Amino acid sequence: MADEVPEQITFDDFLKVDIRAGTVVNAKPFPEARKPAIQLWVDFGPQIGVKKSSAQITVHYTPEKLIGRRVMAVVNFPPRQIGPFMSEVLILGFPDAEGAIVLACVDGEVPDGARLC
């Protein structure tokens, strides 16, 4: 995937993807997931509220260290059932050299729910 040349999209296509900043307010292990994962509850501010997600980020993060952390997520994908858990947003990250996910984050203070533009 990393070696593929991405298909070009229009700016209007980009605007369809709603990426927001939020703060992790709760996190716990997700032992029922097929691959190691953590369940996250992220506050995206008063307009969107708190949304749930399952993220395969256990190599670099523990639930305790995620509370209060700022993350970025796609908030306009349809919910997805992951085992007994309904994931409502897609938390964003990048693979490290070994393929483990490192969270994408905001550099600086922005309000919960701020949209990437």
Protein backbone atom coordinates (compact mmCIF):
# COMPACT_ATOMS: atom_id res chain seq x y z
CA MET A 1 0.00 0.00 0.00
CA ALA A 2 2.81 2.44 0.83
CA ASP A 3 4.38 1.94 -2.61
CA GLU A 4 1.16 2.63 -4.51
CA VAL A 5 0.60 6.01 -6.14
CA PRO A 6 -2.61 7.36 -4.59
CA GLU A 7 -5.54 8.16 -6.82
CA GLN A 8 -6.06 11.90 -7.12
CA ILE A 9 -9.21 13.34 -5.59
CA THR A 10 -10.85 16.72 -5.81
CA PHE A 11 -11.02 19.23 -2.97
CA ASP A 12 -14.75 18.48 -2.77
CA ASP A 13 -13.87 14.80 -2.18
CA PHE A 14 -11.56 15.86 0.67
CA LEU A 15 -14.32 17.96 2.24
CA LYS A 16 -16.55 14.88 2.44
CA VAL A 17 -14.21 13.35 5.03
CA ASP A 18 -14.99 14.95 8.39
CA ILE A 19 -11.84 14.73 10.54
CA ARG A 20 -12.14 16.18 14.04
CA ALA A 21 -9.97 16.64 17.12
CA GLY A 22 -11.16 15.16 20.38
CA THR A 23 -10.07 14.19 23.89
CA VAL A 24 -10.08 10.62 25.17
CA VAL A 25 -12.34 10.56 28.23
CA ASN A 26 -12.36 6.79 28.82
CA ALA A 27 -10.35 3.82 27.61
CA LYS A 28 -10.30 0.14 28.45
CA PRO A 29 -8.87 -3.11 27.11
CA PHE A 30 -10.90 -4.91 24.45
CA PRO A 31 -10.16 -8.62 25.01
CA GLU A 32 -13.04 -9.73 22.73
CA ALA A 33 -11.39 -8.18 19.65
CA ARG A 34 -9.72 -10.56 17.18
CA LYS A 35 -6.55 -8.43 17.21
CA PRO A 36 -5.32 -6.65 20.35
CA ALA A 37 -7.26 -3.40 20.70
CA ILE A 38 -8.39 -0.71 23.12
CA GLN A 39 -11.92 0.67 23.41
CA LEU A 40 -11.94 4.47 23.44
CA TRP A 41 -14.57 7.07 24.30
CA VAL A 42 -13.64 10.42 22.75
CA ASP A 43 -15.24 13.80 23.46
CA PHE A 44 -15.69 15.77 20.23
CA GLY A 45 -17.36 18.76 21.87
CA PRO A 46 -21.00 19.79 22.24
CA GLN A 47 -21.94 19.49 18.54
CA ILE A 48 -20.84 15.85 18.13
CA GLY A 49 -20.54 14.62 21.71
CA VAL A 50 -18.73 11.56 23.02
CA LYS A 51 -18.20 8.80 20.45
CA LYS A 52 -16.82 5.27 20.82
CA SER A 53 -14.06 3.59 18.85
CA SER A 54 -11.96 0.46 18.89
CA ALA A 55 -8.31 1.03 18.00
CA GLN A 56 -5.48 -1.47 17.43
CA ILE A 57 -2.93 0.66 19.28
CA THR A 58 -1.82 -1.66 22.08
CA VAL A 59 1.88 -1.71 21.11
CA HIS A 60 2.46 1.96 21.96
CA TYR A 61 -0.43 2.78 24.31
CA THR A 62 -2.22 1.53 27.42
CA PRO A 63 -5.76 2.53 28.37
CA GLU A 64 -4.51 4.46 31.42
CA LYS A 65 -2.09 6.56 29.36
CA LEU A 66 -4.76 7.44 26.79
CA ILE A 67 -7.11 9.28 29.16
CA GLY A 68 -6.85 13.01 28.44
CA ARG A 69 -4.89 12.47 25.22
CA ARG A 70 -5.89 14.47 22.15
CA VAL A 71 -6.65 12.37 19.04
CA MET A 72 -7.94 12.86 15.52
CA ALA A 73 -10.76 10.80 14.02
CA VAL A 74 -13.05 10.51 11.02
CA VAL A 75 -16.49 11.16 12.51
CA ASN A 76 -18.72 10.68 9.46
CA PHE A 77 -18.19 7.00 8.62
CA PRO A 78 -21.15 4.75 9.41
CA PRO A 79 -20.87 2.88 12.75
CA ARG A 80 -19.17 -0.53 12.54
CA GLN A 81 -19.83 -3.54 14.74
CA ILE A 82 -16.58 -4.98 16.12
CA GLY A 83 -17.50 -8.06 18.13
CA PRO A 84 -19.81 -6.92 20.93
CA PHE A 85 -18.73 -3.26 20.51
CA MET A 86 -20.16 -0.63 18.15
CA SER A 87 -17.36 1.62 16.85
CA GLU A 88 -18.70 5.04 15.85
CA VAL A 89 -15.55 6.85 14.63
CA LEU A 90 -12.21 5.93 13.04
CA ILE A 91 -9.22 6.99 15.13
CA LEU A 92 -6.32 8.07 12.89
CA GLY A 93 -2.71 6.98 13.10
CA PHE A 94 0.37 6.02 11.14
CA PRO A 95 2.29 2.73 11.11
CA ASP A 96 5.77 2.80 12.61
CA ALA A 97 8.68 0.88 11.03
CA GLU A 98 7.28 -2.42 12.38
CA GLY A 99 3.66 -1.63 11.42
CA ALA A 100 2.38 -0.76 14.91
CA ILE A 101 0.07 2.26 14.92
CA VAL A 102 1.18 5.63 16.31
CA LEU A 103 -1.70 8.04 16.86
CA ALA A 104 -2.08 11.15 14.71
CA CYS A 105 -2.44 14.15 16.99
CA VAL A 106 -2.87 17.91 17.02
CA ASP A 107 0.14 20.13 17.69
CA GLY A 108 -1.30 22.98 19.77
CA GLU A 109 -4.55 23.77 21.50
CA VAL A 110 -7.78 23.47 19.55
CA PRO A 111 -11.26 22.91 20.97
CA ASP A 112 -12.78 19.43 21.03
CA GLY A 113 -14.68 19.01 17.79
CA ALA A 114 -12.43 21.30 15.73
CA ARG A 115 -12.49 20.17 12.09
CA LEU A 116 -9.39 19.53 10.00
CA CYS A 117 -9.30 21.99 7.14
